[in-house]
């Protein structure tokens, strides 16, 4: 039986990256059947802010994990409002893995994400509001506690409020105590709310 030698993956990568590297060439390679070509194209498009639309479009249908990671990295590096909007669009996807990837990407962009946070926390879709609260967990912004307090005071959806309470139990201070107590009165028939509020208050007051 003849032994088939596999081509060195480093040579494959070099071969794929030696192709046309201008903007139009990279955009074309983003749809290449070879994931190596797509990955290199996604990486190199990080230097083109105008690539946000094509990167986001590719991200929404990309099946290869390494290519998806490269696209997300490029969107983070580009970091424009359009890049943030592209990630926000992914929060509305039916693909749970894509939504989670977008959340993780946005967590690493505090300065870029902050301007859209208020709108996300008031989005008409409760799932998007929950995702926004999850992003707050790692946002490292001085208004995080203020935003979370507003959520538990104003949001009508119990799951959104429950998510906010979970985050407040980690980052909250005594400033959140009154709003937490009021939340129990707002959802008297929800045992999880009562439990999570009591836990959050215990942790806040222990500190």
C-alpha atoms as a PDB file:
ATOM      1  CA  UNK A   1       0.000   0.000   0.000  1.00  0.00           C
ATOM      2  CA  UNK A   2       1.429   3.378  -1.033  1.00  0.00           C
ATOM      3  CA  UNK A   3       2.116   5.878   1.724  1.00  0.00           C
ATOM      4  CA  UNK A   4       0.528   9.255   1.080  1.00  0.00           C
ATOM      5  CA  UNK A   5       2.598  12.106   2.458  1.00  0.00           C
ATOM      6  CA  UNK A   6       0.643  14.931   3.997  1.00  0.00           C
ATOM      7  CA  UNK A   7       1.624  18.452   3.121  1.00  0.00           C
ATOM      8  CA  UNK A   8       3.182  20.352   6.030  1.00  0.00           C
ATOM      9  CA  UNK A   9       0.450  22.574   7.532  1.00  0.00           C
ATOM     10  CA  UNK A  10       2.938  25.439   7.737  1.00  0.00           C
ATOM     11  CA  UNK A  11       3.396  25.204   3.975  1.00  0.00           C
ATOM     12  CA  UNK A  12      -0.385  25.138   3.512  1.00  0.00           C
ATOM     13  CA  UNK A  13      -0.717  28.290   5.626  1.00  0.00           C
ATOM     14  CA  UNK A  14       2.065  30.005   3.691  1.00  0.00           C
ATOM     15  CA  UNK A  15       0.510  28.983   0.379  1.00  0.00           C
ATOM     16  CA  UNK A  16      -2.870  30.357   1.384  1.00  0.00           C
ATOM     17  CA  UNK A  17      -1.449  33.647   2.653  1.00  0.00           C
ATOM     18  CA  UNK A  18       0.667  34.206  -0.446  1.00  0.00           C
ATOM     19  CA  UNK A  19      -2.454  34.966  -2.470  1.00  0.00           C
ATOM     20  CA  UNK A  20      -3.759  38.460  -3.249  1.00  0.00           C
ATOM     21  CA  UNK A  21      -3.754  40.415   0.051  1.00  0.00           C
ATOM     22  CA  UNK A  22      -5.450  43.645  -1.007  1.00  0.00           C
ATOM     23  CA  UNK A  23      -8.940  44.411   0.301  1.00  0.00           C
ATOM     24  CA  UNK A  24     -10.878  42.909  -2.593  1.00  0.00           C
ATOM     25  CA  UNK A  25      -8.659  39.827  -2.625  1.00  0.00           C
ATOM     26  CA  UNK A  26      -9.143  39.268   1.098  1.00  0.00           C
ATOM     27  CA  UNK A  27     -12.913  39.701   0.817  1.00  0.00           C
ATOM     28  CA  UNK A  28     -12.988  37.091  -1.950  1.00  0.00           C
ATOM     29  CA  UNK A  29     -10.900  34.688   0.127  1.00  0.00           C
ATOM     30  CA  UNK A  30     -13.282  35.086   3.046  1.00  0.00           C
ATOM     31  CA  UNK A  31     -15.666  32.841   1.052  1.00  0.00           C
ATOM     32  CA  UNK A  32     -12.975  30.348   0.005  1.00  0.00           C
ATOM     33  CA  UNK A  33     -13.805  26.655   0.425  1.00  0.00           C
ATOM     34  CA  UNK A  34     -10.537  26.204   2.351  1.00  0.00           C
ATOM     35  CA  UNK A  35     -10.891  27.272   6.020  1.00  0.00           C
ATOM     36  CA  UNK A  36      -7.167  28.108   6.155  1.00  0.00           C
ATOM     37  CA  UNK A  37      -7.670  30.720   3.432  1.00  0.00           C
ATOM     38  CA  UNK A  38     -10.729  32.072   5.207  1.00  0.00           C
ATOM     39  CA  UNK A  39      -8.867  32.279   8.507  1.00  0.00           C
ATOM     40  CA  UNK A  40      -5.944  34.223   7.034  1.00  0.00           C
ATOM     41  CA  UNK A  41      -8.329  36.522   5.186  1.00  0.00           C
ATOM     42  CA  UNK A  42     -10.252  37.215   8.379  1.00  0.00           C
ATOM     43  CA  UNK A  43      -7.042  37.982  10.259  1.00  0.00           C
ATOM     44  CA  UNK A  44      -5.662  40.296   7.590  1.00  0.00           C
ATOM     45  CA  UNK A  45      -8.946  42.180   7.221  1.00  0.00           C
ATOM     46  CA  UNK A  46      -8.384  43.546  10.740  1.00  0.00           C
ATOM     47  CA  UNK A  47      -6.460  46.402   9.101  1.00  0.00           C
ATOM     48  CA  UNK A  48      -9.507  47.450   7.069  1.00  0.00           C
ATOM     49  CA  UNK A  49     -12.260  49.166   9.110  1.00  0.00           C
ATOM     50  CA  UNK A  50     -14.490  49.005   6.031  1.00  0.00           C
ATOM     51  CA  UNK A  51     -14.441  45.198   6.316  1.00  0.00           C
ATOM     52  CA  UNK A  52     -16.898  45.131   9.234  1.00  0.00           C
ATOM     53  CA  UNK A  53     -19.952  44.353   7.091  1.00  0.00           C
ATOM     54  CA  UNK A  54     -18.344  41.434   5.249  1.00  0.00           C
ATOM     55  CA  UNK A  55     -16.766  40.081   8.429  1.00  0.00           C
ATOM     56  CA  UNK A  56     -20.100  40.155  10.248  1.00  0.00           C
ATOM     57  CA  UNK A  57     -21.894  38.529   7.332  1.00  0.00           C
ATOM     58  CA  UNK A  58     -19.294  35.754   7.230  1.00  0.00           C
ATOM     59  CA  UNK A  59     -19.407  35.345  11.014  1.00  0.00           C
ATOM     60  CA  UNK A  60     -23.141  34.662  10.943  1.00  0.00           C
ATOM     61  CA  UNK A  61     -22.695  31.638   8.672  1.00  0.00           C
ATOM     62  CA  UNK A  62     -19.156  30.454   9.445  1.00  0.00           C
ATOM     63  CA  UNK A  63     -18.988  26.836  10.645  1.00  0.00           C
ATOM     64  CA  UNK A  64     -15.246  26.550  11.302  1.00  0.00           C
ATOM     65  CA  UNK A  65     -14.317  27.495  14.862  1.00  0.00           C
ATOM     66  CA  UNK A  66     -10.858  28.808  14.013  1.00  0.00           C
ATOM     67  CA  UNK A  67     -12.235  31.068  11.295  1.00  0.00           C
ATOM     68  CA  UNK A  68     -14.962  32.332  13.595  1.00  0.00           C
ATOM     69  CA  UNK A  69     -12.354  33.127  16.234  1.00  0.00           C
ATOM     70  CA  UNK A  70     -10.266  35.021  13.676  1.00  0.00           C
ATOM     71  CA  UNK A  71     -13.285  37.066  12.574  1.00  0.00           C
ATOM     72  CA  UNK A  72     -14.167  37.958  16.160  1.00  0.00           C
ATOM     73  CA  UNK A  73     -10.577  38.984  16.859  1.00  0.00           C
ATOM     74  CA  UNK A  74     -10.579  41.239  13.795  1.00  0.00           C
ATOM     75  CA  UNK A  75     -13.865  42.871  14.824  1.00  0.00           C
ATOM     76  CA  UNK A  76     -12.409  43.526  18.285  1.00  0.00           C
ATOM     77  CA  UNK A  77      -9.254  45.018  16.777  1.00  0.00           C
ATOM     78  CA  UNK A  78     -11.235  47.215  14.390  1.00  0.00           C
ATOM     79  CA  UNK A  79     -13.318  48.372  17.355  1.00  0.00           C
ATOM     80  CA  UNK A  80     -15.483  50.914  15.540  1.00  0.00           C
ATOM     81  CA  UNK A  81     -19.161  51.555  16.342  1.00  0.00           C
ATOM     82  CA  UNK A  82     -19.950  49.527  13.232  1.00  0.00           C
ATOM     83  CA  UNK A  83     -17.952  46.595  14.625  1.00  0.00           C
ATOM     84  CA  UNK A  84     -19.887  46.788  17.884  1.00  0.00           C
ATOM     85  CA  UNK A  85     -23.158  46.936  15.956  1.00  0.00           C
ATOM     86  CA  UNK A  86     -22.118  43.823  14.053  1.00  0.00           C
ATOM     87  CA  UNK A  87     -21.613  41.981  17.339  1.00  0.00           C
ATOM     88  CA  UNK A  88     -24.943  43.293  18.646  1.00  0.00           C
ATOM     89  CA  UNK A  89     -26.573  41.822  15.546  1.00  0.00           C
ATOM     90  CA  UNK A  90     -25.124  38.455  16.508  1.00  0.00           C
ATOM     91  CA  UNK A  91     -26.897  38.675  19.887  1.00  0.00           C
ATOM     92  CA  UNK A  92     -30.147  38.226  17.972  1.00  0.00           C
ATOM     93  CA  UNK A  93     -28.971  35.063  16.204  1.00  0.00           C
ATOM     94  CA  UNK A  94     -30.663  31.685  16.647  1.00  0.00           C
ATOM     95  CA  UNK A  95     -27.162  30.193  16.958  1.00  0.00           C
ATOM     96  CA  UNK A  96     -26.436  29.931  20.692  1.00  0.00           C
ATOM     97  CA  UNK A  97     -22.695  29.450  20.140  1.00  0.00           C
ATOM     98  CA  UNK A  98     -22.551  32.600  18.023  1.00  0.00           C
ATOM     99  CA  UNK A  99     -24.442  34.574  20.667  1.00  0.00           C
ATOM    100  CA  UNK A 100     -22.019  33.403  23.350  1.00  0.00           C
ATOM    101  CA  UNK A 101     -19.033  34.268  21.169  1.00  0.00           C
ATOM    102  CA  UNK A 102     -20.424  37.757  20.579  1.00  0.00           C
ATOM    103  CA  UNK A 103     -20.976  38.252  24.329  1.00  0.00           C
ATOM    104  CA  UNK A 104     -17.396  37.232  25.107  1.00  0.00           C
ATOM    105  CA  UNK A 105     -16.078  39.550  22.398  1.00  0.00           C
ATOM    106  CA  UNK A 106     -18.101  42.482  23.726  1.00  0.00           C
ATOM    107  CA  UNK A 107     -16.861  41.845  27.260  1.00  0.00           C
ATOM    108  CA  UNK A 108     -13.349  42.591  26.013  1.00  0.00           C
ATOM    109  CA  UNK A 109     -14.404  45.956  24.516  1.00  0.00           C
ATOM    110  CA  UNK A 110     -15.548  48.079  27.488  1.00  0.00           C
ATOM    111  CA  UNK A 111     -14.806  51.464  25.948  1.00  0.00           C
ATOM    112  CA  UNK A 112     -16.416  50.547  22.639  1.00  0.00           C
ATOM    113  CA  UNK A 113     -19.482  48.813  24.126  1.00  0.00           C
ATOM    114  CA  UNK A 114     -20.322  51.413  26.780  1.00  0.00           C
ATOM    115  CA  UNK A 115     -22.073  53.829  24.353  1.00  0.00           C
ATOM    116  CA  UNK A 116     -24.613  51.149  23.339  1.00  0.00           C
ATOM    117  CA  UNK A 117     -25.179  49.620  26.769  1.00  0.00           C
ATOM    118  CA  UNK A 118     -28.178  51.743  27.747  1.00  0.00           C
ATOM    119  CA  UNK A 119     -29.933  50.866  24.494  1.00  0.00           C
ATOM    120  CA  UNK A 120     -29.204  47.157  24.978  1.00  0.00           C
ATOM    121  CA  UNK A 121     -30.550  47.205  28.529  1.00  0.00           C
ATOM    122  CA  UNK A 122     -33.802  48.696  27.186  1.00  0.00           C
ATOM    123  CA  UNK A 123     -34.069  46.490  24.103  1.00  0.00           C
ATOM    124  CA  UNK A 124     -37.555  45.172  23.315  1.00  0.00           C
ATOM    125  CA  UNK A 125     -36.195  41.595  23.336  1.00  0.00           C
ATOM    126  CA  UNK A 126     -35.791  40.284  26.897  1.00  0.00           C
ATOM    127  CA  UNK A 127     -33.113  37.821  25.752  1.00  0.00           C
ATOM    128  CA  UNK A 128     -30.992  40.689  24.427  1.00  0.00           C
ATOM    129  CA  UNK A 129     -31.443  42.475  27.774  1.00  0.00           C
ATOM    130  CA  UNK A 130     -30.224  39.348  29.560  1.00  0.00           C
ATOM    131  CA  UNK A 131     -27.189  39.166  27.277  1.00  0.00           C
ATOM    132  CA  UNK A 132     -26.492  42.838  28.011  1.00  0.00           C
ATOM    133  CA  UNK A 133     -26.558  42.158  31.749  1.00  0.00           C
ATOM    134  CA  UNK A 134     -24.141  39.275  31.238  1.00  0.00           C
ATOM    135  CA  UNK A 135     -21.794  41.624  29.369  1.00  0.00           C
ATOM    136  CA  UNK A 136     -21.855  43.984  32.361  1.00  0.00           C
ATOM    137  CA  UNK A 137     -20.289  41.260  34.495  1.00  0.00           C
ATOM    138  CA  UNK A 138     -16.874  41.888  32.935  1.00  0.00           C
ATOM    139  CA  UNK A 139     -17.277  45.414  31.601  1.00  0.00           C
ATOM    140  CA  UNK A 140     -15.213  47.114  34.339  1.00  0.00           C
ATOM    141  CA  UNK A 141     -17.077  50.396  33.948  1.00  0.00           C
ATOM    142  CA  UNK A 142     -17.909  52.757  36.845  1.00  0.00           C
ATOM    143  CA  UNK A 143     -21.612  52.727  35.924  1.00  0.00           C
ATOM    144  CA  UNK A 144     -22.023  48.930  36.079  1.00  0.00           C
ATOM    145  CA  UNK A 145     -23.717  48.952  39.486  1.00  0.00           C
ATOM    146  CA  UNK A 146     -25.914  51.904  38.477  1.00  0.00           C
ATOM    147  CA  UNK A 147     -27.047  50.078  35.341  1.00  0.00           C
ATOM    148  CA  UNK A 148     -27.806  46.910  37.308  1.00  0.00           C
ATOM    149  CA  UNK A 149     -29.830  48.845  39.884  1.00  0.00           C
ATOM    150  CA  UNK A 150     -31.861  50.430  37.095  1.00  0.00           C
ATOM    151  CA  UNK A 151     -32.549  46.966  35.682  1.00  0.00           C
ATOM    152  CA  UNK A 152     -33.913  45.551  38.935  1.00  0.00           C
ATOM    153  CA  UNK A 153     -35.961  48.705  39.526  1.00  0.00           C
ATOM    154  CA  UNK A 154     -37.445  49.032  36.044  1.00  0.00           C
ATOM    155  CA  UNK A 155     -37.357  45.805  34.036  1.00  0.00           C
ATOM    156  CA  UNK A 156     -40.655  43.906  34.007  1.00  0.00           C
ATOM    157  CA  UNK A 157     -39.145  40.542  33.051  1.00  0.00           C
ATOM    158  CA  UNK A 158     -38.278  38.333  36.011  1.00  0.00           C
ATOM    159  CA  UNK A 159     -35.438  36.526  34.239  1.00  0.00           C
ATOM    160  CA  UNK A 160     -33.719  39.796  33.328  1.00  0.00           C
ATOM    161  CA  UNK A 161     -33.957  40.928  36.946  1.00  0.00           C
ATOM    162  CA  UNK A 162     -32.726  37.579  38.245  1.00  0.00           C
ATOM    163  CA  UNK A 163     -29.661  37.805  36.008  1.00  0.00           C
ATOM    164  CA  UNK A 164     -28.973  41.326  37.268  1.00  0.00           C
ATOM    165  CA  UNK A 165     -29.242  40.183  40.878  1.00  0.00           C
ATOM    166  CA  UNK A 166     -26.728  37.406  40.237  1.00  0.00           C
ATOM    167  CA  UNK A 167     -24.236  39.988  38.937  1.00  0.00           C
ATOM    168  CA  UNK A 168     -24.991  42.398  41.792  1.00  0.00           C
ATOM    169  CA  UNK A 169     -24.132  39.662  44.262  1.00  0.00           C
ATOM    170  CA  UNK A 170     -20.597  39.837  42.845  1.00  0.00           C
ATOM    171  CA  UNK A 171     -20.149  43.565  42.182  1.00  0.00           C
ATOM    172  CA  UNK A 172     -22.844  45.284  44.261  1.00  0.00           C
ATOM    173  CA  UNK A 173     -22.373  47.591  47.233  1.00  0.00           C
ATOM    174  CA  UNK A 174     -24.673  48.908  49.923  1.00  0.00           C
ATOM    175  CA  UNK A 175     -25.989  51.361  47.315  1.00  0.00           C
ATOM    176  CA  UNK A 176     -27.914  48.464  45.758  1.00  0.00           C
ATOM    177  CA  UNK A 177     -29.495  47.232  49.012  1.00  0.00           C
ATOM    178  CA  UNK A 178     -32.707  49.264  48.814  1.00  0.00           C
ATOM    179  CA  UNK A 179     -33.383  48.286  45.210  1.00  0.00           C
ATOM    180  CA  UNK A 180     -32.728  44.629  46.021  1.00  0.00           C
ATOM    181  CA  UNK A 181     -35.206  44.681  48.913  1.00  0.00           C
ATOM    182  CA  UNK A 182     -37.800  46.377  46.685  1.00  0.00           C
ATOM    183  CA  UNK A 183     -37.338  43.698  44.043  1.00  0.00           C
ATOM    184  CA  UNK A 184     -38.590  41.008  46.418  1.00  0.00           C
ATOM    185  CA  UNK A 185     -41.776  43.012  46.905  1.00  0.00           C
ATOM    186  CA  UNK A 186     -42.145  43.435  43.146  1.00  0.00           C
ATOM    187  CA  UNK A 187     -41.995  39.655  42.521  1.00  0.00           C
ATOM    188  CA  UNK A 188     -43.498  38.169  45.697  1.00  0.00           C
ATOM    189  CA  UNK A 189     -44.354  34.849  44.054  1.00  0.00           C
ATOM    190  CA  UNK A 190     -40.858  34.142  42.752  1.00  0.00           C
ATOM    191  CA  UNK A 191     -38.849  32.074  45.258  1.00  0.00           C
ATOM    192  CA  UNK A 192     -35.647  32.334  43.224  1.00  0.00           C
ATOM    193  CA  UNK A 193     -35.796  36.117  43.382  1.00  0.00           C
ATOM    194  CA  UNK A 194     -36.176  35.997  47.164  1.00  0.00           C
ATOM    195  CA  UNK A 195     -33.302  33.526  47.492  1.00  0.00           C
ATOM    196  CA  UNK A 196     -30.936  35.378  45.161  1.00  0.00           C
ATOM    197  CA  UNK A 197     -31.736  38.777  46.692  1.00  0.00           C
ATOM    198  CA  UNK A 198     -31.059  37.461  50.208  1.00  0.00           C
ATOM    199  CA  UNK A 199     -27.787  35.938  49.010  1.00  0.00           C
ATOM    200  CA  UNK A 200     -26.741  39.172  47.319  1.00  0.00           C
ATOM    201  CA  UNK A 201     -27.566  41.216  50.417  1.00  0.00           C
ATOM    202  CA  UNK A 202     -25.637  38.785  52.603  1.00  0.00           C
ATOM    203  CA  UNK A 203     -22.550  39.075  50.417  1.00  0.00           C
ATOM    204  CA  UNK A 204     -22.801  42.852  50.145  1.00  0.00           C
ATOM    205  CA  UNK A 205     -23.171  43.335  53.897  1.00  0.00           C
ATOM    206  CA  UNK A 206     -20.420  40.851  54.688  1.00  0.00           C
ATOM    207  CA  UNK A 207     -18.018  43.072  52.777  1.00  0.00           C
END
